[in-house]
Each structure stands twice: as C-alpha cells, then as structure tokens.
Amino acid sequence: MKKTMMEILACPMDKNYPLKLFEIKQKNDIVSEGALFCSKCSRFYPIIEEIPIMLPDELRDKKQEIEFLKNYKNKLPEKIISEANPWHL
C-alpha cells in the first residue's frame, strides 16, 4: 500500500478519518505489512502483501487475521493485539 493512500482511506464501518498506520515492513513509500487502526470504533485492518484488507466484519477472514496478529504480536501496539475489534488475541 502506498503511504499516500492514507489521505483517502476511512474506516468502512463508521467512516472515521484519518486512520492510524502501523508499519511493520516497508520499502520507500510502500507498506508491505502493517495495520490500519480506527480510533473511533477500535477496529484494525491488516495490510498483507501491500494490500489493506478493509472489509466489513461479516466478510472478514477471522482465521487469517488471528494468524496475522500472532505473527506480529511483538511489532504491533497492545491496543491492536489485545483490545481491537472485531477480534484480538
């Protein structure tokens, strides 16, 4: 995901803007792994292989996102790992 996308991305659940970006892996202005976080509804949206996965809760892949949280639990803030919606560790 290009960092410039942050200027247009909003939470799909409550339309909150801006979202907070947590970068795990990046090169230049491209984030290949990371997370977006909505401070209003406390939802996180993973960035996997440069793609922000910003789907409504009912369309999200819980297994994939729990695995993402487990893989990056030491690189993401505690509010995402243990408190974020729709699920956390």
N, C-alpha and C. Protein backbone atom coordinates (compact mmCIF):
# COMPACT_ATOMS: atom_id res chain seq x y z
N MET A 1 0.84 -1.17 0.00
CA MET A 1 0.00 0.00 0.00
C MET A 1 0.89 1.24 0.00
N LYS A 2 0.62 2.14 -0.89
CA LYS A 2 1.36 3.40 -0.88
C LYS A 2 0.89 4.25 0.30
N LYS A 3 1.84 4.88 0.96
CA LYS A 3 1.50 5.72 2.12
C LYS A 3 0.58 6.87 1.74
N THR A 4 0.62 7.30 0.50
CA THR A 4 -0.25 8.41 0.08
C THR A 4 -1.72 8.03 0.13
N MET A 5 -2.03 6.72 0.15
CA MET A 5 -3.42 6.28 0.26
C MET A 5 -4.04 6.69 1.59
N MET A 6 -3.22 6.95 2.57
CA MET A 6 -3.73 7.35 3.89
C MET A 6 -4.58 8.62 3.80
N GLU A 7 -4.35 9.41 2.78
CA GLU A 7 -5.11 10.65 2.59
C GLU A 7 -6.55 10.40 2.22
N ILE A 8 -6.88 9.20 1.72
CA ILE A 8 -8.24 8.93 1.26
C ILE A 8 -8.93 7.79 2.00
N LEU A 9 -8.19 7.02 2.80
CA LEU A 9 -8.79 5.87 3.46
C LEU A 9 -9.56 6.28 4.72
N ALA A 10 -10.75 5.70 4.87
CA ALA A 10 -11.58 5.89 6.07
C ALA A 10 -12.07 4.53 6.51
N CYS A 11 -12.46 4.42 7.76
CA CYS A 11 -12.98 3.17 8.30
C CYS A 11 -14.28 2.80 7.57
N PRO A 12 -14.38 1.58 7.04
CA PRO A 12 -15.60 1.19 6.34
C PRO A 12 -16.81 1.01 7.26
N MET A 13 -16.57 0.86 8.56
CA MET A 13 -17.67 0.65 9.50
C MET A 13 -18.31 1.97 9.96
N ASP A 14 -17.48 2.95 10.32
CA ASP A 14 -18.04 4.20 10.86
C ASP A 14 -17.60 5.45 10.10
N LYS A 15 -16.86 5.26 9.02
CA LYS A 15 -16.40 6.35 8.13
C LYS A 15 -15.43 7.31 8.82
N ASN A 16 -14.85 6.88 9.94
CA ASN A 16 -13.90 7.73 10.65
C ASN A 16 -12.65 7.96 9.80
N TYR A 17 -12.15 9.18 9.83
CA TYR A 17 -10.95 9.59 9.10
C TYR A 17 -10.19 10.57 9.98
N PRO A 18 -8.90 10.51 10.04
CA PRO A 18 -7.97 9.59 9.40
C PRO A 18 -7.77 8.34 10.25
N LEU A 19 -7.25 7.30 9.63
CA LEU A 19 -6.88 6.08 10.31
C LEU A 19 -5.41 6.17 10.70
N LYS A 20 -5.03 5.43 11.72
CA LYS A 20 -3.64 5.38 12.18
C LYS A 20 -2.94 4.23 11.47
N LEU A 21 -1.75 4.49 10.94
CA LEU A 21 -0.96 3.49 10.23
C LEU A 21 0.16 2.98 11.13
N PHE A 22 0.23 1.65 11.25
CA PHE A 22 1.34 1.00 11.95
C PHE A 22 2.10 0.16 10.93
N GLU A 23 3.31 0.57 10.64
CA GLU A 23 4.13 -0.09 9.62
C GLU A 23 4.98 -1.19 10.25
N ILE A 24 4.96 -2.36 9.64
CA ILE A 24 5.81 -3.47 10.08
C ILE A 24 6.95 -3.65 9.09
N LYS A 25 6.60 -3.76 7.81
CA LYS A 25 7.61 -3.88 6.75
C LYS A 25 7.29 -2.85 5.68
N GLN A 26 8.32 -2.11 5.26
CA GLN A 26 8.12 -1.13 4.22
C GLN A 26 9.39 -0.95 3.41
N LYS A 27 9.18 -0.44 2.22
CA LYS A 27 10.31 -0.09 1.36
C LYS A 27 9.90 1.19 0.64
N ASN A 28 10.70 2.23 0.84
CA ASN A 28 10.40 3.55 0.30
C ASN A 28 9.03 4.00 0.82
N ASP A 29 8.08 4.29 -0.04
CA ASP A 29 6.78 4.74 0.44
C ASP A 29 5.70 3.65 0.31
N ILE A 30 6.14 2.38 0.23
CA ILE A 30 5.23 1.25 0.11
C ILE A 30 5.25 0.44 1.41
N VAL A 31 4.08 0.23 2.02
CA VAL A 31 3.96 -0.60 3.21
C VAL A 31 3.56 -1.99 2.74
N SER A 32 4.42 -2.98 2.97
CA SER A 32 4.08 -4.34 2.54
C SER A 32 3.37 -5.13 3.63
N GLU A 33 3.66 -4.84 4.88
CA GLU A 33 2.98 -5.46 6.02
C GLU A 33 2.75 -4.39 7.07
N GLY A 34 1.57 -4.43 7.68
CA GLY A 34 1.26 -3.45 8.71
C GLY A 34 -0.20 -3.53 9.09
N ALA A 35 -0.69 -2.48 9.74
CA ALA A 35 -2.08 -2.44 10.15
C ALA A 35 -2.59 -1.01 10.15
N LEU A 36 -3.86 -0.88 9.85
CA LEU A 36 -4.56 0.39 9.98
C LEU A 36 -5.47 0.26 11.20
N PHE A 37 -5.64 1.36 11.93
CA PHE A 37 -6.43 1.33 13.15
C PHE A 37 -7.38 2.51 13.20
N CYS A 38 -8.64 2.23 13.50
CA CYS A 38 -9.65 3.28 13.66
C CYS A 38 -9.80 3.58 15.15
N SER A 39 -9.49 4.79 15.54
CA SER A 39 -9.57 5.15 16.96
C SER A 39 -11.02 5.31 17.44
N LYS A 40 -11.95 5.50 16.53
CA LYS A 40 -13.35 5.68 16.93
C LYS A 40 -14.01 4.35 17.32
N CYS A 41 -13.86 3.32 16.49
CA CYS A 41 -14.50 2.03 16.77
C CYS A 41 -13.51 0.95 17.22
N SER A 42 -12.24 1.29 17.30
CA SER A 42 -11.16 0.38 17.74
C SER A 42 -11.00 -0.85 16.84
N ARG A 43 -11.28 -0.69 15.56
CA ARG A 43 -11.08 -1.79 14.62
C ARG A 43 -9.71 -1.67 13.97
N PHE A 44 -9.12 -2.84 13.72
CA PHE A 44 -7.87 -2.86 12.97
C PHE A 44 -8.13 -3.51 11.62
N TYR A 45 -7.33 -3.11 10.66
CA TYR A 45 -7.40 -3.67 9.31
C TYR A 45 -5.97 -4.02 8.91
N PRO A 46 -5.69 -5.31 8.67
CA PRO A 46 -4.32 -5.70 8.34
C PRO A 46 -3.93 -5.27 6.92
N ILE A 47 -2.66 -5.02 6.76
CA ILE A 47 -2.07 -4.81 5.43
C ILE A 47 -1.21 -6.03 5.18
N ILE A 48 -1.59 -6.83 4.19
CA ILE A 48 -0.90 -8.09 3.90
C ILE A 48 -0.47 -8.07 2.43
N GLU A 49 0.82 -8.25 2.22
CA GLU A 49 1.39 -8.23 0.87
C GLU A 49 0.97 -6.98 0.10
N GLU A 50 1.10 -5.83 0.77
CA GLU A 50 0.83 -4.49 0.22
C GLU A 50 -0.65 -4.16 0.06
N ILE A 51 -1.55 -5.06 0.47
CA ILE A 51 -2.98 -4.82 0.27
C ILE A 51 -3.67 -4.58 1.61
N PRO A 52 -4.28 -3.40 1.81
CA PRO A 52 -5.06 -3.18 3.03
C PRO A 52 -6.39 -3.94 2.92
N ILE A 53 -6.66 -4.79 3.89
CA ILE A 53 -7.88 -5.59 3.87
C ILE A 53 -8.92 -4.87 4.73
N MET A 54 -9.74 -4.08 4.06
CA MET A 54 -10.69 -3.20 4.75
C MET A 54 -12.13 -3.62 4.42
N LEU A 55 -12.52 -4.74 4.98
CA LEU A 55 -13.85 -5.28 4.73
C LEU A 55 -14.73 -5.11 5.97
N PRO A 56 -16.06 -5.09 5.77
CA PRO A 56 -16.95 -5.11 6.93
C PRO A 56 -16.75 -6.41 7.72
N ASP A 57 -17.10 -6.39 8.98
CA ASP A 57 -16.85 -7.53 9.87
C ASP A 57 -17.34 -8.85 9.32
N GLU A 58 -18.54 -8.87 8.75
CA GLU A 58 -19.13 -10.13 8.30
C GLU A 58 -18.39 -10.76 7.10
N LEU A 59 -17.54 -10.00 6.43
CA LEU A 59 -16.79 -10.51 5.28
C LEU A 59 -15.32 -10.79 5.60
N ARG A 60 -14.93 -10.52 6.82
CA ARG A 60 -13.53 -10.69 7.20
C ARG A 60 -13.20 -12.15 7.47
N ASP A 61 -11.93 -12.51 7.24
CA ASP A 61 -11.44 -13.87 7.45
C ASP A 61 -10.77 -13.93 8.84
N LYS A 62 -11.54 -14.42 9.82
CA LYS A 62 -11.05 -14.44 11.19
C LYS A 62 -9.76 -15.25 11.32
N LYS A 63 -9.70 -16.41 10.70
CA LYS A 63 -8.52 -17.27 10.80
C LYS A 63 -7.27 -16.54 10.28
N GLN A 64 -7.39 -15.91 9.13
CA GLN A 64 -6.26 -15.18 8.55
C GLN A 64 -5.82 -14.02 9.46
N GLU A 65 -6.78 -13.30 10.01
CA GLU A 65 -6.43 -12.13 10.82
C GLU A 65 -5.88 -12.51 12.19
N ILE A 66 -6.36 -13.60 12.79
CA ILE A 66 -5.79 -14.07 14.05
C ILE A 66 -4.35 -14.52 13.81
N GLU A 67 -4.11 -15.20 12.71
CA GLU A 67 -2.75 -15.61 12.35
C GLU A 67 -1.85 -14.38 12.16
N PHE A 68 -2.37 -13.35 11.51
CA PHE A 68 -1.64 -12.09 11.33
C PHE A 68 -1.26 -11.50 12.70
N LEU A 69 -2.22 -11.46 13.62
CA LEU A 69 -1.95 -10.92 14.96
C LEU A 69 -0.90 -11.75 15.69
N LYS A 70 -0.97 -13.07 15.59
CA LYS A 70 0.03 -13.92 16.23
C LYS A 70 1.42 -13.68 15.65
N ASN A 71 1.50 -13.56 14.32
CA ASN A 71 2.80 -13.35 13.67
C ASN A 71 3.44 -12.03 14.04
N TYR A 72 2.63 -11.00 14.29
CA TYR A 72 3.19 -9.67 14.52
C TYR A 72 2.88 -9.12 15.92
N LYS A 73 2.61 -10.02 16.88
CA LYS A 73 2.24 -9.55 18.22
C LYS A 73 3.34 -8.73 18.90
N ASN A 74 4.58 -8.92 18.50
CA ASN A 74 5.68 -8.15 19.09
C ASN A 74 5.97 -6.86 18.33
N LYS A 75 5.28 -6.65 17.21
CA LYS A 75 5.55 -5.46 16.39
C LYS A 75 4.36 -4.50 16.30
N LEU A 76 3.22 -4.92 16.83
CA LEU A 76 2.03 -4.07 16.81
C LEU A 76 1.72 -3.60 18.22
N PRO A 77 1.05 -2.45 18.36
CA PRO A 77 0.72 -1.95 19.70
C PRO A 77 -0.26 -2.86 20.43
N GLU A 78 -0.19 -2.82 21.74
CA GLU A 78 -1.04 -3.64 22.59
C GLU A 78 -2.53 -3.42 22.33
N LYS A 79 -2.92 -2.18 21.98
CA LYS A 79 -4.35 -1.91 21.73
C LYS A 79 -4.88 -2.70 20.53
N ILE A 80 -4.02 -3.06 19.60
CA ILE A 80 -4.45 -3.89 18.47
C ILE A 80 -4.41 -5.36 18.87
N ILE A 81 -3.35 -5.79 19.51
CA ILE A 81 -3.17 -7.20 19.86
C ILE A 81 -4.22 -7.69 20.86
N SER A 82 -4.51 -6.91 21.87
CA SER A 82 -5.37 -7.44 22.95
C SER A 82 -6.73 -6.74 23.09
N GLU A 83 -6.99 -5.68 22.31
CA GLU A 83 -8.25 -4.96 22.51
C GLU A 83 -9.02 -4.64 21.23
N ALA A 84 -8.43 -4.80 20.07
CA ALA A 84 -9.05 -4.34 18.82
C ALA A 84 -10.29 -5.16 18.45
N ASN A 85 -11.14 -4.54 17.68
CA ASN A 85 -12.32 -5.20 17.12
C ASN A 85 -12.01 -5.62 15.69
N PRO A 86 -12.65 -6.55 15.08
CA PRO A 86 -13.71 -7.39 15.64
C PRO A 86 -13.17 -8.54 16.47
N TRP A 87 -11.84 -8.81 16.44
CA TRP A 87 -11.25 -9.84 17.29
C TRP A 87 -9.83 -9.45 17.66
N HIS A 88 -9.32 -10.12 18.65
CA HIS A 88 -7.97 -9.87 19.14
C HIS A 88 -7.47 -11.14 19.83
N LEU A 89 -6.22 -11.12 20.26
CA LEU A 89 -5.66 -12.31 20.93
C LEU A 89 -6.03 -12.31 22.39
